[in-house]
Amino acid sequence: MENMSRHQEVEKLNRMSDRQLADMGIARQDIVRHVFRDRVGF
């Protein structure tokens, strides 16, 4: 279940514009890193 919710979060962020992501402090190339930041030591 947790994996599905993370997958959904990645999809949601991928649908956002670069401007929306920038407003959140996230670069498009860092979406997966952002979503899994608590699981992977980046």
Protein backbone atom coordinates (compact mmCIF):
# COMPACT_ATOMS: atom_id res chain seq x y z
CA MET A 1 0.00 0.00 0.00
CA GLU A 2 2.80 2.39 0.88
CA ASN A 3 4.43 1.79 -2.50
CA MET A 4 1.19 2.63 -4.28
CA SER A 5 0.83 5.91 -2.42
CA ARG A 6 4.43 6.85 -3.28
CA HIS A 7 3.80 5.91 -6.89
CA GLN A 8 0.71 8.11 -6.88
CA GLU A 9 2.72 10.99 -5.41
CA VAL A 10 5.34 10.64 -8.15
CA GLU A 11 2.59 10.66 -10.79
CA LYS A 12 0.96 13.71 -9.21
CA LEU A 13 4.23 15.62 -9.17
CA ASN A 14 5.01 14.57 -12.75
CA ARG A 15 1.71 16.13 -13.87
CA MET A 16 2.69 19.49 -12.37
CA SER A 17 4.37 22.21 -14.37
CA ASP A 18 8.02 23.06 -13.83
CA ARG A 19 6.87 26.34 -12.26
CA GLN A 20 4.63 24.55 -9.76
CA LEU A 21 7.47 22.21 -8.84
CA ALA A 22 9.87 25.14 -8.49
CA ASP A 23 7.40 26.87 -6.16
CA MET A 24 7.58 23.73 -4.00
CA GLY A 25 11.38 23.71 -4.16
CA ILE A 26 11.53 20.55 -6.28
CA ALA A 27 13.34 20.17 -9.61
CA ARG A 28 11.69 17.77 -12.07
CA GLN A 29 14.76 15.52 -12.07
CA ASP A 30 14.51 15.26 -8.28
CA ILE A 31 10.89 14.09 -8.02
CA VAL A 32 11.72 10.47 -7.19
CA ARG A 33 14.43 11.56 -4.77
CA HIS A 34 11.93 13.88 -3.07
CA VAL A 35 9.23 11.21 -2.76
CA PHE A 36 11.62 8.57 -1.41
CA ARG A 37 13.80 10.95 0.64
CA ASP A 38 13.01 9.11 3.86
CA ARG A 39 13.87 5.70 2.40
CA VAL A 40 17.06 6.30 0.44
CA GLY A 41 20.16 8.09 1.68
CA PHE A 42 20.61 10.65 -1.11
